[in-house]
Amino acid sequence: MLNILLQAAGQSPLGGFLPLVLLLLVMYFFFFRPQMKRQKEERKFREEALQKGMKIVTNSGIHGKILEINEDTLVIESENSRLRLDRTAISKELSAMYLPKEEKKEKDKK
């Protein structure tokens, strides 16, 4: 397959661009497309899934629990301090695999 591509590249002036086009396609499907999908999921999470009492992680790595949700901001509690954050600062929900054992048991009971 590679030999055919190299021969085609040598025979026509447009064939020299074929490896570049293939490289761009590979980069799109393995790098850009998954990143865009991840960003879309994060945006959807921020806009629709945030709820009071949910444990979250911010983009800067702060773990906290949502106490109050407003239109553009929310208040979280972390280590007995309250922080007011913009919705865009929220990265993801704190999944059960990161919770301490006691909190896992409480979550399973619910």
PDB file of N, CA and C in Angstrom:
ATOM      1  N   MET A   1       0.833  -1.188   0.000  1.00  0.00           N
ATOM      2  CA  MET A   1       0.000   0.000   0.000  1.00  0.00           C
ATOM      3  C   MET A   1       0.878   1.252   0.000  1.00  0.00           C
ATOM      4  N   LEU A   2       1.889   1.245   0.851  1.00  0.00           N
ATOM      5  CA  LEU A   2       2.787   2.396   0.941  1.00  0.00           C
ATOM      6  C   LEU A   2       3.563   2.589  -0.357  1.00  0.00           C
ATOM      7  N   ASN A   3       3.959   1.470  -0.982  1.00  0.00           N
ATOM      8  CA  ASN A   3       4.679   1.561  -2.262  1.00  0.00           C
ATOM      9  C   ASN A   3       3.811   2.200  -3.333  1.00  0.00           C
ATOM     10  N   ILE A   4       2.551   1.850  -3.355  1.00  0.00           N
ATOM     11  CA  ILE A   4       1.632   2.416  -4.345  1.00  0.00           C
ATOM     12  C   ILE A   4       1.502   3.915  -4.134  1.00  0.00           C
ATOM     13  N   LEU A   5       1.386   4.326  -2.861  1.00  0.00           N
ATOM     14  CA  LEU A   5       1.276   5.751  -2.560  1.00  0.00           C
ATOM     15  C   LEU A   5       2.531   6.507  -2.956  1.00  0.00           C
ATOM     16  N   LEU A   6       3.680   5.912  -2.697  1.00  0.00           N
ATOM     17  CA  LEU A   6       4.941   6.564  -3.052  1.00  0.00           C
ATOM     18  C   LEU A   6       5.116   6.653  -4.566  1.00  0.00           C
ATOM     19  N   GLN A   7       4.695   5.625  -5.291  1.00  0.00           N
ATOM     20  CA  GLN A   7       4.773   5.673  -6.745  1.00  0.00           C
ATOM     21  C   GLN A   7       3.838   6.726  -7.312  1.00  0.00           C
ATOM     22  N   ALA A   8       2.632   6.830  -6.737  1.00  0.00           N
ATOM     23  CA  ALA A   8       1.669   7.842  -7.181  1.00  0.00           C
ATOM     24  C   ALA A   8       2.202   9.233  -6.884  1.00  0.00           C
ATOM     25  N   ALA A   9       2.902   9.368  -5.781  1.00  0.00           N
ATOM     26  CA  ALA A   9       3.462  10.667  -5.414  1.00  0.00           C
ATOM     27  C   ALA A   9       4.547  11.089  -6.387  1.00  0.00           C
ATOM     28  N   GLY A  10       5.290  10.137  -6.920  1.00  0.00           N
ATOM     29  CA  GLY A  10       6.366  10.465  -7.840  1.00  0.00           C
ATOM     30  C   GLY A  10       5.888  10.723  -9.262  1.00  0.00           C
ATOM     31  N   GLN A  11       4.733  10.213  -9.638  1.00  0.00           N
ATOM     32  CA  GLN A  11       4.265  10.325 -11.011  1.00  0.00           C
ATOM     33  C   GLN A  11       3.505  11.617 -11.288  1.00  0.00           C
ATOM     34  N   SER A  12       2.752  12.116 -10.350  1.00  0.00           N
ATOM     35  CA  SER A  12       1.973  13.326 -10.622  1.00  0.00           C
ATOM     36  C   SER A  12       2.342  14.422  -9.629  1.00  0.00           C
ATOM     37  N   PRO A  13       2.202  15.677 -10.045  1.00  0.00           N
ATOM     38  CA  PRO A  13       2.530  16.775  -9.127  1.00  0.00           C
ATOM     39  C   PRO A  13       1.601  16.829  -7.917  1.00  0.00           C
ATOM     40  N   LEU A  14       0.360  16.411  -8.094  1.00  0.00           N
ATOM     41  CA  LEU A  14      -0.577  16.406  -6.965  1.00  0.00           C
ATOM     42  C   LEU A  14      -0.323  15.224  -6.031  1.00  0.00           C
ATOM     43  N   GLY A  15       0.325  14.200  -6.515  1.00  0.00           N
ATOM     44  CA  GLY A  15       0.635  13.030  -5.705  1.00  0.00           C
ATOM     45  C   GLY A  15       1.576  13.329  -4.562  1.00  0.00           C
ATOM     46  N   GLY A  16       2.345  14.392  -4.678  1.00  0.00           N
ATOM     47  CA  GLY A  16       3.244  14.782  -3.600  1.00  0.00           C
ATOM     48  C   GLY A  16       2.496  15.264  -2.363  1.00  0.00           C
ATOM     49  N   PHE A  17       1.258  15.679  -2.568  1.00  0.00           N
ATOM     50  CA  PHE A  17       0.454  16.155  -1.442  1.00  0.00           C
ATOM     51  C   PHE A  17      -0.317  15.044  -0.751  1.00  0.00           C
ATOM     52  N   LEU A  18      -0.358  13.877  -1.372  1.00  0.00           N
ATOM     53  CA  LEU A  18      -1.113  12.760  -0.817  1.00  0.00           C
ATOM     54  C   LEU A  18      -0.666  12.370   0.595  1.00  0.00           C
ATOM     55  N   PRO A  19       0.632  12.217   0.861  1.00  0.00           N
ATOM     56  CA  PRO A  19       1.039  11.895   2.241  1.00  0.00           C
ATOM     57  C   PRO A  19       0.649  12.985   3.244  1.00  0.00           C
ATOM     58  N   LEU A  20       0.717  14.234   2.818  1.00  0.00           N
ATOM     59  CA  LEU A  20       0.317  15.341   3.698  1.00  0.00           C
ATOM     60  C   LEU A  20      -1.175  15.276   4.007  1.00  0.00           C
ATOM     61  N   VAL A  21      -1.980  14.985   3.001  1.00  0.00           N
ATOM     62  CA  VAL A  21      -3.428  14.871   3.194  1.00  0.00           C
ATOM     63  C   VAL A  21      -3.740  13.703   4.127  1.00  0.00           C
ATOM     64  N   LEU A  22      -3.058  12.582   3.923  1.00  0.00           N
ATOM     65  CA  LEU A  22      -3.273  11.427   4.800  1.00  0.00           C
ATOM     66  C   LEU A  22      -2.867  11.740   6.238  1.00  0.00           C
ATOM     67  N   LEU A  23      -1.784  12.459   6.405  1.00  0.00           N
ATOM     68  CA  LEU A  23      -1.346  12.847   7.748  1.00  0.00           C
ATOM     69  C   LEU A  23      -2.379  13.746   8.416  1.00  0.00           C
ATOM     70  N   LEU A  24      -2.934  14.682   7.682  1.00  0.00           N
ATOM     71  CA  LEU A  24      -3.958  15.573   8.239  1.00  0.00           C
ATOM     72  C   LEU A  24      -5.219  14.800   8.617  1.00  0.00           C
ATOM     73  N   LEU A  25      -5.603  13.832   7.795  1.00  0.00           N
ATOM     74  CA  LEU A  25      -6.767  13.002   8.121  1.00  0.00           C
ATOM     75  C   LEU A  25      -6.545  12.198   9.400  1.00  0.00           C
ATOM     76  N   VAL A  26      -5.376  11.608   9.535  1.00  0.00           N
ATOM     77  CA  VAL A  26      -5.057  10.834  10.743  1.00  0.00           C
ATOM     78  C   VAL A  26      -5.083  11.747  11.966  1.00  0.00           C
ATOM     79  N   MET A  27      -4.495  12.929  11.844  1.00  0.00           N
ATOM     80  CA  MET A  27      -4.494  13.864  12.975  1.00  0.00           C
ATOM     81  C   MET A  27      -5.914  14.265  13.341  1.00  0.00           C
ATOM     82  N   TYR A  28      -6.767  14.484  12.350  1.00  0.00           N
ATOM     83  CA  TYR A  28      -8.147  14.874  12.630  1.00  0.00           C
ATOM     84  C   TYR A  28      -8.858  13.786  13.423  1.00  0.00           C
ATOM     85  N   PHE A  29      -8.766  12.538  12.947  1.00  0.00           N
ATOM     86  CA  PHE A  29      -9.518  11.469  13.592  1.00  0.00           C
ATOM     87  C   PHE A  29      -8.948  11.021  14.934  1.00  0.00           C
ATOM     88  N   PHE A  30      -7.657  11.205  15.161  1.00  0.00           N
ATOM     89  CA  PHE A  30      -7.074  10.752  16.417  1.00  0.00           C
ATOM     90  C   PHE A  30      -6.827  11.860  17.429  1.00  0.00           C
ATOM     91  N   PHE A  31      -6.795  13.129  17.011  1.00  0.00           N
ATOM     92  CA  PHE A  31      -6.507  14.222  17.939  1.00  0.00           C
ATOM     93  C   PHE A  31      -7.644  15.236  18.033  1.00  0.00           C
ATOM     94  N   PHE A  32      -8.014  15.821  16.914  1.00  0.00           N
ATOM     95  CA  PHE A  32      -8.961  16.933  16.945  1.00  0.00           C
ATOM     96  C   PHE A  32     -10.387  16.490  17.233  1.00  0.00           C
ATOM     97  N   ARG A  33     -10.843  15.436  16.593  1.00  0.00           N
ATOM     98  CA  ARG A  33     -12.217  14.987  16.776  1.00  0.00           C
ATOM     99  C   ARG A  33     -12.501  14.549  18.216  1.00  0.00           C
ATOM    100  N   PRO A  34     -11.650  13.725  18.852  1.00  0.00           N
ATOM    101  CA  PRO A  34     -11.917  13.359  20.247  1.00  0.00           C
ATOM    102  C   PRO A  34     -11.897  14.570  21.193  1.00  0.00           C
ATOM    103  N   GLN A  35     -11.006  15.531  20.931  1.00  0.00           N
ATOM    104  CA  GLN A  35     -10.946  16.726  21.777  1.00  0.00           C
ATOM    105  C   GLN A  35     -12.221  17.540  21.648  1.00  0.00           C
ATOM    106  N   MET A  36     -12.742  17.692  20.435  1.00  0.00           N
ATOM    107  CA  MET A  36     -13.985  18.440  20.244  1.00  0.00           C
ATOM    108  C   MET A  36     -15.151  17.729  20.927  1.00  0.00           C
ATOM    109  N   LYS A  37     -15.161  16.411  20.880  1.00  0.00           N
ATOM    110  CA  LYS A  37     -16.212  15.636  21.533  1.00  0.00           C
ATOM    111  C   LYS A  37     -16.159  15.836  23.052  1.00  0.00           C
ATOM    112  N   ARG A  38     -14.946  15.811  23.612  1.00  0.00           N
ATOM    113  CA  ARG A  38     -14.770  16.013  25.052  1.00  0.00           C
ATOM    114  C   ARG A  38     -15.252  17.406  25.469  1.00  0.00           C
ATOM    115  N   GLN A  39     -14.911  18.419  24.675  1.00  0.00           N
ATOM    116  CA  GLN A  39     -15.333  19.782  24.985  1.00  0.00           C
ATOM    117  C   GLN A  39     -16.855  19.911  24.924  1.00  0.00           C
ATOM    118  N   LYS A  40     -17.476  19.254  23.955  1.00  0.00           N
ATOM    119  CA  LYS A  40     -18.926  19.295  23.821  1.00  0.00           C
ATOM    120  C   LYS A  40     -19.593  18.655  25.038  1.00  0.00           C
ATOM    121  N   GLU A  41     -19.059  17.531  25.502  1.00  0.00           N
ATOM    122  CA  GLU A  41     -19.608  16.857  26.688  1.00  0.00           C
ATOM    123  C   GLU A  41     -19.466  17.725  27.929  1.00  0.00           C
ATOM    124  N   GLU A  42     -18.317  18.388  28.105  1.00  0.00           N
ATOM    125  CA  GLU A  42     -18.109  19.271  29.254  1.00  0.00           C
ATOM    126  C   GLU A  42     -19.077  20.445  29.218  1.00  0.00           C
ATOM    127  N   ARG A  43     -19.282  21.034  28.047  1.00  0.00           N
ATOM    128  CA  ARG A  43     -20.201  22.163  27.915  1.00  0.00           C
ATOM    129  C   ARG A  43     -21.625  21.737  28.270  1.00  0.00           C
ATOM    130  N   LYS A  44     -22.032  20.561  27.777  1.00  0.00           N
ATOM    131  CA  LYS A  44     -23.370  20.042  28.075  1.00  0.00           C
ATOM    132  C   LYS A  44     -23.518  19.786  29.572  1.00  0.00           C
ATOM    133  N   PHE A  45     -22.473  19.243  30.198  1.00  0.00           N
ATOM    134  CA  PHE A  45     -22.499  18.985  31.635  1.00  0.00           C
ATOM    135  C   PHE A  45     -22.684  20.287  32.413  1.00  0.00           C
ATOM    136  N   ARG A  46     -21.919  21.330  32.044  1.00  0.00           N
ATOM    137  CA  ARG A  46     -22.012  22.612  32.747  1.00  0.00           C
ATOM    138  C   ARG A  46     -23.385  23.249  32.603  1.00  0.00           C
ATOM    139  N   GLU A  47     -23.990  23.122  31.435  1.00  0.00           N
ATOM    140  CA  GLU A  47     -25.255  23.791  31.165  1.00  0.00           C
ATOM    141  C   GLU A  47     -26.461  23.042  31.721  1.00  0.00           C
ATOM    142  N   GLU A  48     -26.418  21.711  31.746  1.00  0.00           N
ATOM    143  CA  GLU A  48     -27.620  20.950  32.065  1.00  0.00           C
ATOM    144  C   GLU A  48     -27.534  20.074  33.314  1.00  0.00           C
ATOM    145  N   ALA A  49     -26.386  19.528  33.624  1.00  0.00           N
ATOM    146  CA  ALA A  49     -26.318  18.471  34.634  1.00  0.00           C
ATOM    147  C   ALA A  49     -25.985  18.957  36.044  1.00  0.00           C
ATOM    148  N   LEU A  50     -25.561  20.195  36.212  1.00  0.00           N
ATOM    149  CA  LEU A  50     -25.175  20.659  37.546  1.00  0.00           C
ATOM    150  C   LEU A  50     -26.389  20.732  38.464  1.00  0.00           C
ATOM    151  N   GLN A  51     -26.236  20.167  39.665  1.00  0.00           N
ATOM    152  CA  GLN A  51     -27.312  20.164  40.649  1.00  0.00           C
ATOM    153  C   GLN A  51     -26.742  20.478  42.022  1.00  0.00           C
ATOM    154  N   LYS A  52     -27.596  21.021  42.862  1.00  0.00           N
ATOM    155  CA  LYS A  52     -27.209  21.319  44.237  1.00  0.00           C
ATOM    156  C   LYS A  52     -26.860  20.011  44.952  1.00  0.00           C
ATOM    157  N   GLY A  53     -25.748  20.006  45.699  1.00  0.00           N
ATOM    158  CA  GLY A  53     -25.307  18.821  46.431  1.00  0.00           C
ATOM    159  C   GLY A  53     -24.336  17.948  45.662  1.00  0.00           C
ATOM    160  N   MET A  54     -24.139  18.214  44.387  1.00  0.00           N
ATOM    161  CA  MET A  54     -23.239  17.421  43.553  1.00  0.00           C
ATOM    162  C   MET A  54     -21.783  17.729  43.907  1.00  0.00           C
ATOM    163  N   LYS A  55     -20.948  16.715  43.914  1.00  0.00           N
ATOM    164  CA  LYS A  55     -19.518  16.912  44.172  1.00  0.00           C
ATOM    165  C   LYS A  55     -18.827  17.073  42.825  1.00  0.00           C
ATOM    166  N   ILE A  56     -18.033  18.145  42.711  1.00  0.00           N
ATOM    167  CA  ILE A  56     -17.430  18.494  41.433  1.00  0.00           C
ATOM    168  C   ILE A  56     -15.942  18.788  41.585  1.00  0.00           C
ATOM    169  N   VAL A  57     -15.264  18.902  40.444  1.00  0.00           N
ATOM    170  CA  VAL A  57     -13.864  19.304  40.382  1.00  0.00           C
ATOM    171  C   VAL A  57     -13.794  20.490  39.429  1.00  0.00           C
ATOM    172  N   THR A  58     -13.071  21.543  39.827  1.00  0.00           N
ATOM    173  CA  THR A  58     -12.916  22.705  38.955  1.00  0.00           C
ATOM    174  C   THR A  58     -11.734  22.502  38.019  1.00  0.00           C
ATOM    175  N   ASN A  59     -11.602  23.395  37.046  1.00  0.00           N
ATOM    176  CA  ASN A  59     -10.477  23.320  36.111  1.00  0.00           C
ATOM    177  C   ASN A  59      -9.139  23.467  36.813  1.00  0.00           C
ATOM    178  N   SER A  60      -9.127  24.176  37.940  1.00  0.00           N
ATOM    179  CA  SER A  60      -7.881  24.373  38.679  1.00  0.00           C
ATOM    180  C   SER A  60      -7.615  23.256  39.686  1.00  0.00           C
ATOM    181  N   GLY A  61      -8.514  22.273  39.755  1.00  0.00           N
ATOM    182  CA  GLY A  61      -8.276  21.112  40.607  1.00  0.00           C
ATOM    183  C   GLY A  61      -8.898  21.196  41.983  1.00  0.00           C
ATOM    184  N   ILE A  62      -9.744  22.180  42.242  1.00  0.00           N
ATOM    185  CA  ILE A  62     -10.400  22.298  43.549  1.00  0.00           C
ATOM    186  C   ILE A  62     -11.588  21.339  43.591  1.00  0.00           C
ATOM    187  N   HIS A  63     -11.639  20.526  44.627  1.00  0.00           N
ATOM    188  CA  HIS A  63     -12.750  19.605  44.824  1.00  0.00           C
ATOM    189  C   HIS A  63     -13.737  20.265  45.771  1.00  0.00           C
ATOM    190  N   GLY A  64     -15.015  20.170  45.472  1.00  0.00           N
ATOM    191  CA  GLY A  64     -16.000  20.783  46.342  1.00  0.00           C
ATOM    192  C   GLY A  64     -17.395  20.256  46.093  1.00  0.00           C
ATOM    193  N   LYS A  65     -18.312  20.732  46.933  1.00  0.00           N
ATOM    194  CA  LYS A  65     -19.714  20.347  46.863  1.00  0.00           C
ATOM    195  C   LYS A  65     -20.525  21.592  46.532  1.00  0.00           C
ATOM    196  N   ILE A  66     -21.447  21.494  45.583  1.00  0.00           N
ATOM    197  CA  ILE A  66     -22.249  22.640  45.165  1.00  0.00           C
ATOM    198  C   ILE A  66     -23.279  22.958  46.243  1.00  0.00           C
ATOM    199  N   LEU A  67     -23.266  24.214  46.717  1.00  0.00           N
ATOM    200  CA  LEU A  67     -24.233  24.658  47.709  1.00  0.00           C
ATOM    201  C   LEU A  67     -25.345  25.490  47.093  1.00  0.00           C
ATOM    202  N   GLU A  68     -25.022  26.247  46.062  1.00  0.00           N
ATOM    203  CA  GLU A  68     -25.981  27.179  45.477  1.00  0.00           C
ATOM    204  C   GLU A  68     -25.672  27.328  43.989  1.00  0.00           C
ATOM    205  N   ILE A  69     -26.730  27.373  43.165  1.00  0.00           N
ATOM    206  CA  ILE A  69     -26.551  27.528  41.731  1.00  0.00           C
ATOM    207  C   ILE A  69     -27.330  28.745  41.265  1.00  0.00           C
ATOM    208  N   ASN A  70     -26.644  29.657  40.589  1.00  0.00           N
ATOM    209  CA  ASN A  70     -27.274  30.819  39.971  1.00  0.00           C
ATOM    210  C   ASN A  70     -27.166  30.670  38.455  1.00  0.00           C
ATOM    211  N   GLU A  71     -27.586  31.692  37.734  1.00  0.00           N
ATOM    212  CA  GLU A  71     -27.577  31.607  36.273  1.00  0.00           C
ATOM    213  C   GLU A  71     -26.162  31.442  35.716  1.00  0.00           C
ATOM    214  N   ASP A  72     -25.225  32.284  36.139  1.00  0.00           N
ATOM    215  CA  ASP A  72     -23.862  32.233  35.606  1.00  0.00           C
ATOM    216  C   ASP A  72     -22.826  31.758  36.608  1.00  0.00           C
ATOM    217  N   THR A  73     -23.162  31.740  37.884  1.00  0.00           N
ATOM    218  CA  THR A  73     -22.197  31.378  38.921  1.00  0.00           C
ATOM    219  C   THR A  73     -22.762  30.280  39.811  1.00  0.00           C
ATOM    220  N   LEU A  74     -21.887  29.730  40.634  1.00  0.00           N
ATOM    221  CA  LEU A  74     -22.327  28.791  41.662  1.00  0.00           C
ATOM    222  C   LEU A  74     -21.411  28.914  42.864  1.00  0.00           C
ATOM    223  N   VAL A  75     -21.911  28.486  43.994  1.00  0.00           N
ATOM    224  CA  VAL A  75     -21.151  28.530  45.241  1.00  0.00           C
ATOM    225  C   VAL A  75     -20.831  27.093  45.628  1.00  0.00           C
ATOM    226  N   ILE A  76     -19.547  26.841  45.875  1.00  0.00           N
ATOM    227  CA  ILE A  76     -19.149  25.508  46.320  1.00  0.00           C
ATOM    228  C   ILE A  76     -18.506  25.607  47.693  1.00  0.00           C
ATOM    229  N   GLU A  77     -18.551  24.488  48.409  1.00  0.00           N
ATOM    230  CA  GLU A  77     -17.898  24.400  49.713  1.00  0.00           C
ATOM    231  C   GLU A  77     -16.749  23.415  49.577  1.00  0.00           C
ATOM    232  N   SER A  78     -15.577  23.856  50.022  1.00  0.00           N
ATOM    233  CA  SER A  78     -14.395  23.016  49.970  1.00  0.00           C
ATOM    234  C   SER A  78     -13.570  23.262  51.222  1.00  0.00           C
ATOM    235  N   GLU A  79     -13.362  22.214  52.007  1.00  0.00           N
ATOM    236  CA  GLU A  79     -12.572  22.324  53.233  1.00  0.00           C
ATOM    237  C   GLU A  79     -13.064  23.466  54.123  1.00  0.00           C
ATOM    238  N   ASN A  80     -14.355  23.494  54.375  1.00  0.00           N
ATOM    239  CA  ASN A  80     -15.000  24.485  55.244  1.00  0.00           C
ATOM    240  C   ASN A  80     -14.839  25.925  54.745  1.00  0.00           C
ATOM    241  N   SER A  81     -14.618  26.121  53.473  1.00  0.00           N
ATOM    242  CA  SER A  81     -14.619  27.466  52.897  1.00  0.00           C
ATOM    243  C   SER A  81     -15.574  27.477  51.713  1.00  0.00           C
ATOM    244  N   ARG A  82     -16.154  28.629  51.483  1.00  0.00           N
ATOM    245  CA  ARG A  82     -17.093  28.776  50.376  1.00  0.00           C
ATOM    246  C   ARG A  82     -16.456  29.615  49.279  1.00  0.00           C
ATOM    247  N   LEU A  83     -16.639  29.156  48.061  1.00  0.00           N
ATOM    248  CA  LEU A  83     -16.091  29.851  46.907  1.00  0.00           C
ATOM    249  C   LEU A  83     -17.202  30.107  45.902  1.00  0.00           C
ATOM    250  N   ARG A  84     -17.223  31.314  45.328  1.00  0.00           N
ATOM    251  CA  ARG A  84     -18.153  31.619  44.249  1.00  0.00           C
ATOM    252  C   ARG A  84     -17.373  31.498  42.946  1.00  0.00           C
ATOM    253  N   LEU A  85     -17.855  30.626  42.067  1.00  0.00           N
ATOM    254  CA  LEU A  85     -17.160  30.336  40.815  1.00  0.00           C
ATOM    255  C   LEU A  85     -18.081  30.553  39.630  1.00  0.00           C
ATOM    256  N   ASP A  86     -17.483  30.860  38.507  1.00  0.00           N
ATOM    257  CA  ASP A  86     -18.209  30.929  37.249  1.00  0.00           C
ATOM    258  C   ASP A  86     -18.481  29.500  36.790  1.00  0.00           C
ATOM    259  N   ARG A  87     -19.584  29.279  36.099  1.00  0.00           N
ATOM    260  CA  ARG A  87     -19.915  27.935  35.625  1.00  0.00           C
ATOM    261  C   ARG A  87     -18.827  27.355  34.718  1.00  0.00           C
ATOM    262  N   THR A  88     -18.156  28.224  33.971  1.00  0.00           N
ATOM    263  CA  THR A  88     -17.128  27.733  33.046  1.00  0.00           C
ATOM    264  C   THR A  88     -15.908  27.176  33.766  1.00  0.00           C
ATOM    265  N   ALA A  89     -15.793  27.413  35.078  1.00  0.00           N
ATOM    266  CA  ALA A  89     -14.658  26.903  35.847  1.00  0.00           C
ATOM    267  C   ALA A  89     -14.852  25.452  36.263  1.00  0.00           C
ATOM    268  N   ILE A  90     -16.040  24.898  36.043  1.00  0.00           N
ATOM    269  CA  ILE A  90     -16.321  23.521  36.441  1.00  0.00           C
ATOM    270  C   ILE A  90     -15.828  22.576  35.353  1.00  0.00           C
ATOM    271  N   SER A  91     -15.073  21.577  35.769  1.00  0.00           N
ATOM    272  CA  SER A  91     -14.516  20.630  34.813  1.00  0.00           C
ATOM    273  C   SER A  91     -15.368  19.370  34.716  1.00  0.00           C
ATOM    274  N   LYS A  92     -15.613  18.730  35.849  1.00  0.00           N
ATOM    275  CA  LYS A  92     -16.336  17.463  35.818  1.00  0.00           C
ATOM    276  C   LYS A  92     -16.911  17.139  37.184  1.00  0.00           C
ATOM    277  N   GLU A  93     -17.775  16.137  37.203  1.00  0.00           N
ATOM    278  CA  GLU A  93     -18.318  15.636  38.459  1.00  0.00           C
ATOM    279  C   GLU A  93     -17.291  14.708  39.078  1.00  0.00           C
ATOM    280  N   LEU A  94     -17.191  14.763  40.378  1.00  0.00           N
ATOM    281  CA  LEU A  94     -16.277  13.884  41.091  1.00  0.00           C
ATOM    282  C   LEU A  94     -16.870  12.485  41.064  1.00  0.00           C
ATOM    283  N   SER A  95     -16.235  11.583  40.337  1.00  0.00           N
ATOM    284  CA  SER A  95     -16.799  10.245  40.162  1.00  0.00           C
ATOM    285  C   SER A  95     -16.627   9.413  41.426  1.00  0.00           C
ATOM    286  N   ALA A  96     -17.373   8.351  41.501  1.00  0.00           N
ATOM    287  CA  ALA A  96     -17.377   7.489  42.688  1.00  0.00           C
ATOM    288  C   ALA A  96     -16.018   6.848  42.942  1.00  0.00           C
ATOM    289  N   MET A  97     -15.198   6.687  41.906  1.00  0.00           N
ATOM    290  CA  MET A  97     -13.906   6.033  42.126  1.00  0.00           C
ATOM    291  C   MET A  97     -12.944   6.895  42.931  1.00  0.00           C
ATOM    292  N   TYR A  98     -13.199   8.207  43.012  1.00  0.00           N
ATOM    293  CA  TYR A  98     -12.326   9.092  43.767  1.00  0.00           C
ATOM    294  C   TYR A  98     -12.849   9.375  45.180  1.00  0.00           C
ATOM    295  N   LEU A  99     -14.056   8.932  45.478  1.00  0.00           N
ATOM    296  CA  LEU A  99     -14.641   9.207  46.783  1.00  0.00           C
ATOM    297  C   LEU A  99     -14.037   8.303  47.858  1.00  0.00           C
ATOM    298  N   PRO A 100     -13.931   8.801  49.093  1.00  0.00           N
ATOM    299  CA  PRO A 100     -13.491   7.933  50.187  1.00  0.00           C
ATOM    300  C   PRO A 100     -14.476   6.781  50.406  1.00  0.00           C
ATOM    301  N   LYS A 101     -14.049   5.733  51.094  1.00  0.00           N
ATOM    302  CA  LYS A 101     -14.870   4.539  51.261  1.00  0.00           C
ATOM    303  C   LYS A 101     -16.205   4.830  51.951  1.00  0.00           C
ATOM    304  N   GLU A 102     -16.207   5.751  52.947  1.00  0.00           N
ATOM    305  CA  GLU A 102     -17.437   6.057  53.660  1.00  0.00           C
ATOM    306  C   GLU A 102     -18.460   6.686  52.719  1.00  0.00           C
ATOM    307  N   GLU A 103     -17.999   7.583  51.845  1.00  0.00           N
ATOM    308  CA  GLU A 103     -18.912   8.252  50.929  1.00  0.00           C
ATOM    309  C   GLU A 103     -19.412   7.292  49.852  1.00  0.00           C
ATOM    310  N   LYS A 104     -18.602   6.304  49.463  1.00  0.00           N
ATOM    311  CA  LYS A 104     -19.038   5.301  48.505  1.00  0.00           C
ATOM    312  C   LYS A 104     -20.194   4.495  49.092  1.00  0.00           C
ATOM    313  N   LYS A 105     -20.056   4.124  50.382  1.00  0.00           N
ATOM    314  CA  LYS A 105     -21.108   3.341  51.034  1.00  0.00           C
ATOM    315  C   LYS A 105     -22.390   4.153  51.104  1.00  0.00           C
ATOM    316  N   GLU A 106     -22.288   5.459  51.426  1.00  0.00           N
ATOM    317  CA  GLU A 106     -23.465   6.312  51.502  1.00  0.00           C
ATOM    318  C   GLU A 106     -24.134   6.429  50.132  1.00  0.00           C
ATOM    319  N   LYS A 107     -23.339   6.568  49.092  1.00  0.00           N
ATOM    320  CA  LYS A 107     -23.870   6.706  47.741  1.00  0.00           C
ATOM    321  C   LYS A 107     -24.555   5.410  47.304  1.00  0.00           C
ATOM    322  N   ASP A 108     -24.002   4.259  47.681  1.00  0.00           N
ATOM    323  CA  ASP A 108     -24.598   2.976  47.318  1.00  0.00           C
ATOM    324  C   ASP A 108     -25.927   2.762  48.036  1.00  0.00           C
ATOM    325  N   LYS A 109     -26.067   3.284  49.254  1.00  0.00           N
ATOM    326  CA  LYS A 109     -27.313   3.138  50.005  1.00  0.00           C
ATOM    327  C   LYS A 109     -28.445   3.911  49.369  1.00  0.00           C
ATOM    328  N   LYS A 110     -28.108   5.039  48.722  1.00  0.00           N
ATOM    329  CA  LYS A 110     -29.138   5.879  48.083  1.00  0.00           C
ATOM    330  C   LYS A 110     -29.611   5.187  46.852  1.00  0.00           C
TER     331      LYS A 110
END
